[in-house]
Amino acid sequence: MDDRVLLDADIREPLILYFEQCYDKVRFLEELVTGKARADVVMVLPDKVCGIEIKSDADSYSRLDAQVKYYDKYYDENYLVVGSTHALHAAEHVPAYWGIISVELIKGAVDFYRVKEAKPNPKAKLKNKMSLLWKSEFSHILAENKMPKYAQKSKKFISEKLIEKVPEAVLHKQISEELFERDYTIYD
């Protein structure tokens, strides 16, 4: 193990590469506003969306309680990625269903170790997850489900109609598909 302290900036890109090797289809959204918190990385998979909070060896746990609260409202699964100095005590700071990944520098390379796999988040709310979508993404989902456009209605109204009319498993996949296709050159 090298003595250099890894910072968030040292961890983020190798972490994304690590997850890309784990999944066939995956997309990452960085610094996504999640309630009153900001998710470091959001990982989109075909049937779920995962929140990833990075706590490097230079970080403290001071804001983690609030971050956990918001991540738990929005994401199907969550991971805490910690520097090796935090690894022994990380489980004390997140719910039992959170995954934990330890990161350290070995021979100059960033190395990841899954301390614990994430389990489905029992606190996630589909309506909160849907609030991550843009209005144009709601339009695609409405069209896909052969529902009215609700052009003058709020995202909250549309979310409620979709939850009422479309099976939850279908909506999870459709949300992921919209996030896979999201084009940041167009702002909604």
C-alpha atoms as a PDB file:
ATOM      1  CA  MET A   1       0.000   0.000   0.000  1.00  0.00           C
ATOM      2  CA  ASP A   2       1.287   3.485  -0.883  1.00  0.00           C
ATOM      3  CA  ASP A   3       1.322   6.290   1.691  1.00  0.00           C
ATOM      4  CA  ARG A   4      -0.247   8.962  -0.532  1.00  0.00           C
ATOM      5  CA  VAL A   5      -3.725  10.077   0.594  1.00  0.00           C
ATOM      6  CA  LEU A   6      -6.355   9.522  -2.094  1.00  0.00           C
ATOM      7  CA  LEU A   7      -8.759  12.391  -2.680  1.00  0.00           C
ATOM      8  CA  ASP A   8     -12.214  12.267  -4.282  1.00  0.00           C
ATOM      9  CA  ALA A   9     -10.678  13.380  -7.590  1.00  0.00           C
ATOM     10  CA  ASP A  10      -8.222  10.450  -7.455  1.00  0.00           C
ATOM     11  CA  ILE A  11     -11.021   7.955  -6.775  1.00  0.00           C
ATOM     12  CA  ARG A  12     -13.898   9.019  -9.033  1.00  0.00           C
ATOM     13  CA  GLU A  13     -12.614   8.123 -12.521  1.00  0.00           C
ATOM     14  CA  PRO A  14     -11.066   4.762 -11.498  1.00  0.00           C
ATOM     15  CA  LEU A  15     -14.312   3.962  -9.626  1.00  0.00           C
ATOM     16  CA  ILE A  16     -16.351   4.579 -12.764  1.00  0.00           C
ATOM     17  CA  LEU A  17     -13.964   2.344 -14.754  1.00  0.00           C
ATOM     18  CA  TYR A  18     -14.266  -0.324 -12.046  1.00  0.00           C
ATOM     19  CA  PHE A  19     -18.071  -0.339 -12.236  1.00  0.00           C
ATOM     20  CA  GLU A  20     -17.980  -0.307 -16.064  1.00  0.00           C
ATOM     21  CA  GLN A  21     -16.124  -3.635 -15.866  1.00  0.00           C
ATOM     22  CA  CYS A  22     -18.795  -5.052 -13.540  1.00  0.00           C
ATOM     23  CA  TYR A  23     -21.877  -4.350 -15.674  1.00  0.00           C
ATOM     24  CA  ASP A  24     -22.793  -4.806 -19.343  1.00  0.00           C
ATOM     25  CA  LYS A  25     -24.900  -1.664 -19.555  1.00  0.00           C
ATOM     26  CA  VAL A  26     -24.206   1.232 -17.199  1.00  0.00           C
ATOM     27  CA  ARG A  27     -24.215   5.033 -17.246  1.00  0.00           C
ATOM     28  CA  PHE A  28     -22.934   7.502 -14.695  1.00  0.00           C
ATOM     29  CA  LEU A  29     -24.310  10.887 -13.728  1.00  0.00           C
ATOM     30  CA  GLU A  30     -22.058  12.989 -11.525  1.00  0.00           C
ATOM     31  CA  GLU A  31     -22.984  15.556  -8.884  1.00  0.00           C
ATOM     32  CA  LEU A  32     -26.734  14.943  -9.252  1.00  0.00           C
ATOM     33  CA  VAL A  33     -28.946  16.977  -6.913  1.00  0.00           C
ATOM     34  CA  THR A  34     -30.785  14.546  -4.656  1.00  0.00           C
ATOM     35  CA  GLY A  35     -33.237  16.371  -2.424  1.00  0.00           C
ATOM     36  CA  LYS A  36     -31.072  18.708  -0.353  1.00  0.00           C
ATOM     37  CA  ALA A  37     -27.913  16.672  -0.971  1.00  0.00           C
ATOM     38  CA  ARG A  38     -25.735  16.175  -4.008  1.00  0.00           C
ATOM     39  CA  ALA A  39     -24.882  12.611  -5.015  1.00  0.00           C
ATOM     40  CA  ASP A  40     -21.215  12.229  -5.933  1.00  0.00           C
ATOM     41  CA  VAL A  41     -22.028   9.623  -8.579  1.00  0.00           C
ATOM     42  CA  VAL A  42     -25.313   8.082  -9.680  1.00  0.00           C
ATOM     43  CA  MET A  43     -25.007   4.735 -11.442  1.00  0.00           C
ATOM     44  CA  VAL A  44     -27.824   3.866 -13.840  1.00  0.00           C
ATOM     45  CA  LEU A  45     -28.393   0.171 -14.558  1.00  0.00           C
ATOM     46  CA  PRO A  46     -31.160  -1.305 -16.758  1.00  0.00           C
ATOM     47  CA  ASP A  47     -33.572  -1.862 -13.860  1.00  0.00           C
ATOM     48  CA  LYS A  48     -32.274   0.315 -11.021  1.00  0.00           C
ATOM     49  CA  VAL A  49     -30.509   3.529 -10.083  1.00  0.00           C
ATOM     50  CA  CYS A  50     -27.762   3.480  -7.449  1.00  0.00           C
ATOM     51  CA  GLY A  51     -26.382   6.345  -5.374  1.00  0.00           C
ATOM     52  CA  ILE A  52     -22.650   6.384  -4.683  1.00  0.00           C
ATOM     53  CA  GLU A  53     -21.119   8.538  -1.954  1.00  0.00           C
ATOM     54  CA  ILE A  54     -17.331   8.864  -1.894  1.00  0.00           C
ATOM     55  CA  LYS A  55     -15.512   9.524   1.383  1.00  0.00           C
ATOM     56  CA  SER A  56     -11.799   9.718   0.723  1.00  0.00           C
ATOM     57  CA  ASP A  57      -9.230   9.460   3.507  1.00  0.00           C
ATOM     58  CA  ALA A  58      -9.191  13.284   3.538  1.00  0.00           C
ATOM     59  CA  ASP A  59     -12.976  13.504   4.132  1.00  0.00           C
ATOM     60  CA  SER A  60     -14.930  13.308   7.368  1.00  0.00           C
ATOM     61  CA  TYR A  61     -18.298  11.738   8.081  1.00  0.00           C
ATOM     62  CA  SER A  62     -19.772  15.053   9.285  1.00  0.00           C
ATOM     63  CA  ARG A  63     -22.385  15.373   6.499  1.00  0.00           C
ATOM     64  CA  LEU A  64     -22.948  11.658   5.906  1.00  0.00           C
ATOM     65  CA  ASP A  65     -26.072  11.299   8.102  1.00  0.00           C
ATOM     66  CA  ALA A  66     -27.922  13.909   6.024  1.00  0.00           C
ATOM     67  CA  GLN A  67     -26.586  12.446   2.764  1.00  0.00           C
ATOM     68  CA  VAL A  68     -27.765   8.941   3.744  1.00  0.00           C
ATOM     69  CA  LYS A  69     -31.240  10.318   4.480  1.00  0.00           C
ATOM     70  CA  TYR A  70     -31.568  11.788   0.974  1.00  0.00           C
ATOM     71  CA  TYR A  71     -29.914   8.927  -0.900  1.00  0.00           C
ATOM     72  CA  ASP A  72     -32.322   6.556   0.848  1.00  0.00           C
ATOM     73  CA  LYS A  73     -35.327   8.492  -0.484  1.00  0.00           C
ATOM     74  CA  TYR A  74     -34.225   8.336  -4.135  1.00  0.00           C
ATOM     75  CA  TYR A  75     -32.041   5.365  -5.029  1.00  0.00           C
ATOM     76  CA  ASP A  76     -32.798   1.665  -5.358  1.00  0.00           C
ATOM     77  CA  GLU A  77     -29.385   0.783  -3.923  1.00  0.00           C
ATOM     78  CA  ASN A  78     -26.600   2.816  -2.359  1.00  0.00           C
ATOM     79  CA  TYR A  79     -22.848   2.467  -1.962  1.00  0.00           C
ATOM     80  CA  LEU A  80     -20.396   4.166   0.336  1.00  0.00           C
ATOM     81  CA  VAL A  81     -16.918   4.215  -1.192  1.00  0.00           C
ATOM     82  CA  VAL A  82     -14.284   4.841   1.465  1.00  0.00           C
ATOM     83  CA  GLY A  83     -10.569   5.320   1.727  1.00  0.00           C
ATOM     84  CA  SER A  84      -8.779   2.535   3.559  1.00  0.00           C
ATOM     85  CA  THR A  85      -8.548   4.548   6.819  1.00  0.00           C
ATOM     86  CA  HIS A  86     -12.373   4.658   6.939  1.00  0.00           C
ATOM     87  CA  ALA A  87     -12.962   1.038   5.889  1.00  0.00           C
ATOM     88  CA  LEU A  88     -13.012  -0.507   9.375  1.00  0.00           C
ATOM     89  CA  HIS A  89     -15.705   1.839  10.674  1.00  0.00           C
ATOM     90  CA  ALA A  90     -17.712   2.598   7.523  1.00  0.00           C
ATOM     91  CA  ALA A  91     -20.494   0.137   8.391  1.00  0.00           C
ATOM     92  CA  GLU A  92     -21.196   2.116  11.580  1.00  0.00           C
ATOM     93  CA  HIS A  93     -22.151   5.154   9.495  1.00  0.00           C
ATOM     94  CA  VAL A  94     -24.592   3.700   6.952  1.00  0.00           C
ATOM     95  CA  PRO A  95     -27.649   1.398   7.127  1.00  0.00           C
ATOM     96  CA  ALA A  96     -27.057  -2.361   6.868  1.00  0.00           C
ATOM     97  CA  TYR A  97     -28.465  -2.499   3.311  1.00  0.00           C
ATOM     98  CA  TRP A  98     -25.846  -0.071   1.938  1.00  0.00           C
ATOM     99  CA  GLY A  99     -22.902  -1.525   0.064  1.00  0.00           C
ATOM    100  CA  ILE A 100     -19.385  -0.591   1.118  1.00  0.00           C
ATOM    101  CA  ILE A 101     -16.373  -0.439  -1.165  1.00  0.00           C
ATOM    102  CA  SER A 102     -12.875   0.220   0.166  1.00  0.00           C
ATOM    103  CA  VAL A 103     -10.322   2.000  -2.001  1.00  0.00           C
ATOM    104  CA  GLU A 104      -6.564   2.167  -1.603  1.00  0.00           C
ATOM    105  CA  LEU A 105      -3.446   2.857  -3.591  1.00  0.00           C
ATOM    106  CA  ILE A 106      -1.433  -0.282  -4.322  1.00  0.00           C
ATOM    107  CA  LYS A 107       1.795   0.036  -6.333  1.00  0.00           C
ATOM    108  CA  GLY A 108       0.611   3.350  -7.728  1.00  0.00           C
ATOM    109  CA  ALA A 109      -2.775   2.033  -8.882  1.00  0.00           C
ATOM    110  CA  VAL A 110      -6.177   2.696  -7.317  1.00  0.00           C
ATOM    111  CA  ASP A 111      -7.611  -0.626  -6.132  1.00  0.00           C
ATOM    112  CA  PHE A 112     -11.185  -1.395  -5.013  1.00  0.00           C
ATOM    113  CA  TYR A 113     -12.443  -4.070  -2.650  1.00  0.00           C
ATOM    114  CA  ARG A 114     -16.127  -4.771  -2.053  1.00  0.00           C
ATOM    115  CA  VAL A 115     -16.449  -4.993   1.699  1.00  0.00           C
ATOM    116  CA  LYS A 116     -20.207  -5.513   1.426  1.00  0.00           C
ATOM    117  CA  GLU A 117     -22.670  -5.740  -1.480  1.00  0.00           C
ATOM    118  CA  ALA A 118     -25.578  -3.306  -1.589  1.00  0.00           C
ATOM    119  CA  LYS A 119     -29.026  -4.730  -0.958  1.00  0.00           C
ATOM    120  CA  PRO A 120     -32.335  -3.261  -2.161  1.00  0.00           C
ATOM    121  CA  ASN A 121     -33.082  -0.027  -0.332  1.00  0.00           C
ATOM    122  CA  PRO A 122     -36.316  -0.480   1.674  1.00  0.00           C
ATOM    123  CA  LYS A 123     -36.775   3.301   2.034  1.00  0.00           C
ATOM    124  CA  ALA A 124     -36.617   4.251  -1.659  1.00  0.00           C
ATOM    125  CA  LYS A 125     -39.744   5.915  -3.019  1.00  0.00           C
ATOM    126  CA  LEU A 126     -40.592   5.615  -6.705  1.00  0.00           C
ATOM    127  CA  LYS A 127     -42.125   9.116  -6.753  1.00  0.00           C
ATOM    128  CA  ASN A 128     -38.824  10.579  -5.472  1.00  0.00           C
ATOM    129  CA  LYS A 129     -36.832   8.643  -8.063  1.00  0.00           C
ATOM    130  CA  MET A 130     -39.174   9.937 -10.772  1.00  0.00           C
ATOM    131  CA  SER A 131     -38.457  13.521  -9.691  1.00  0.00           C
ATOM    132  CA  LEU A 132     -34.937  13.048 -11.096  1.00  0.00           C
ATOM    133  CA  LEU A 133     -36.480  12.993 -14.593  1.00  0.00           C
ATOM    134  CA  TRP A 134     -36.823  15.977 -16.889  1.00  0.00           C
ATOM    135  CA  LYS A 135     -40.225  16.964 -18.306  1.00  0.00           C
ATOM    136  CA  SER A 136     -39.228  15.699 -21.792  1.00  0.00           C
ATOM    137  CA  GLU A 137     -38.311  12.329 -20.260  1.00  0.00           C
ATOM    138  CA  PHE A 138     -41.766  12.134 -18.689  1.00  0.00           C
ATOM    139  CA  SER A 139     -43.223  12.805 -22.156  1.00  0.00           C
ATOM    140  CA  HIS A 140     -41.361   9.781 -23.562  1.00  0.00           C
ATOM    141  CA  ILE A 141     -42.589   7.535 -20.745  1.00  0.00           C
ATOM    142  CA  LEU A 142     -46.182   8.748 -21.164  1.00  0.00           C
ATOM    143  CA  ALA A 143     -46.028   8.054 -24.920  1.00  0.00           C
ATOM    144  CA  GLU A 144     -44.468   4.636 -24.350  1.00  0.00           C
ATOM    145  CA  ASN A 145     -47.370   3.733 -22.072  1.00  0.00           C
ATOM    146  CA  LYS A 146     -49.988   5.177 -24.477  1.00  0.00           C
ATOM    147  CA  MET A 147     -51.124   7.754 -21.925  1.00  0.00           C
ATOM    148  CA  PRO A 148     -52.271  11.359 -22.475  1.00  0.00           C
ATOM    149  CA  LYS A 149     -49.543  14.015 -22.769  1.00  0.00           C
ATOM    150  CA  TYR A 150     -50.676  16.033 -19.727  1.00  0.00           C
ATOM    151  CA  ALA A 151     -48.864  18.978 -21.340  1.00  0.00           C
ATOM    152  CA  GLN A 152     -50.013  21.584 -18.810  1.00  0.00           C
ATOM    153  CA  LYS A 153     -49.613  19.357 -15.757  1.00  0.00           C
ATOM    154  CA  SER A 154     -46.797  19.320 -13.205  1.00  0.00           C
ATOM    155  CA  LYS A 155     -44.146  16.614 -12.908  1.00  0.00           C
ATOM    156  CA  LYS A 156     -45.744  15.639  -9.588  1.00  0.00           C
ATOM    157  CA  PHE A 157     -49.147  15.138 -11.244  1.00  0.00           C
ATOM    158  CA  ILE A 158     -47.593  13.114 -14.084  1.00  0.00           C
ATOM    159  CA  SER A 159     -45.624  10.967 -11.606  1.00  0.00           C
ATOM    160  CA  GLU A 160     -48.788  10.164  -9.689  1.00  0.00           C
ATOM    161  CA  LYS A 161     -50.648   9.184 -12.899  1.00  0.00           C
ATOM    162  CA  LEU A 162     -47.768   6.957 -14.049  1.00  0.00           C
ATOM    163  CA  ILE A 163     -47.504   5.256 -10.649  1.00  0.00           C
ATOM    164  CA  GLU A 164     -51.278   4.698 -10.706  1.00  0.00           C
ATOM    165  CA  LYS A 165     -51.398   3.236 -14.255  1.00  0.00           C
ATOM    166  CA  VAL A 166     -48.043   1.524 -14.943  1.00  0.00           C
ATOM    167  CA  PRO A 167     -46.577  -1.470 -13.070  1.00  0.00           C
ATOM    168  CA  GLU A 168     -43.690  -0.467 -10.813  1.00  0.00           C
ATOM    169  CA  ALA A 169     -41.178  -2.870 -12.419  1.00  0.00           C
ATOM    170  CA  VAL A 170     -41.967  -1.367 -15.846  1.00  0.00           C
ATOM    171  CA  LEU A 171     -41.479   2.174 -14.527  1.00  0.00           C
ATOM    172  CA  HIS A 172     -38.095   1.298 -12.994  1.00  0.00           C
ATOM    173  CA  LYS A 173     -36.893   0.067 -16.400  1.00  0.00           C
ATOM    174  CA  GLN A 174     -38.358   3.077 -18.219  1.00  0.00           C
ATOM    175  CA  ILE A 175     -36.731   5.518 -15.791  1.00  0.00           C
ATOM    176  CA  SER A 176     -33.379   3.818 -16.323  1.00  0.00           C
ATOM    177  CA  GLU A 177     -33.842   3.925 -20.083  1.00  0.00           C
ATOM    178  CA  GLU A 178     -34.556   7.657 -19.988  1.00  0.00           C
ATOM    179  CA  LEU A 179     -31.471   8.270 -17.843  1.00  0.00           C
ATOM    180  CA  PHE A 180     -29.365   6.164 -20.256  1.00  0.00           C
ATOM    181  CA  GLU A 181     -30.548   8.366 -23.118  1.00  0.00           C
ATOM    182  CA  ARG A 182     -30.312  11.708 -21.278  1.00  0.00           C
ATOM    183  CA  ASP A 183     -28.631  14.333 -23.437  1.00  0.00           C
ATOM    184  CA  TYR A 184     -26.968  17.078 -21.409  1.00  0.00           C
ATOM    185  CA  THR A 185     -26.584  19.255 -24.502  1.00  0.00           C
ATOM    186  CA  ILE A 186     -30.352  19.835 -24.212  1.00  0.00           C
ATOM    187  CA  TYR A 187     -31.576  21.319 -20.948  1.00  0.00           C
ATOM    188  CA  ASP A 188     -35.162  20.676 -19.988  1.00  0.00           C
END
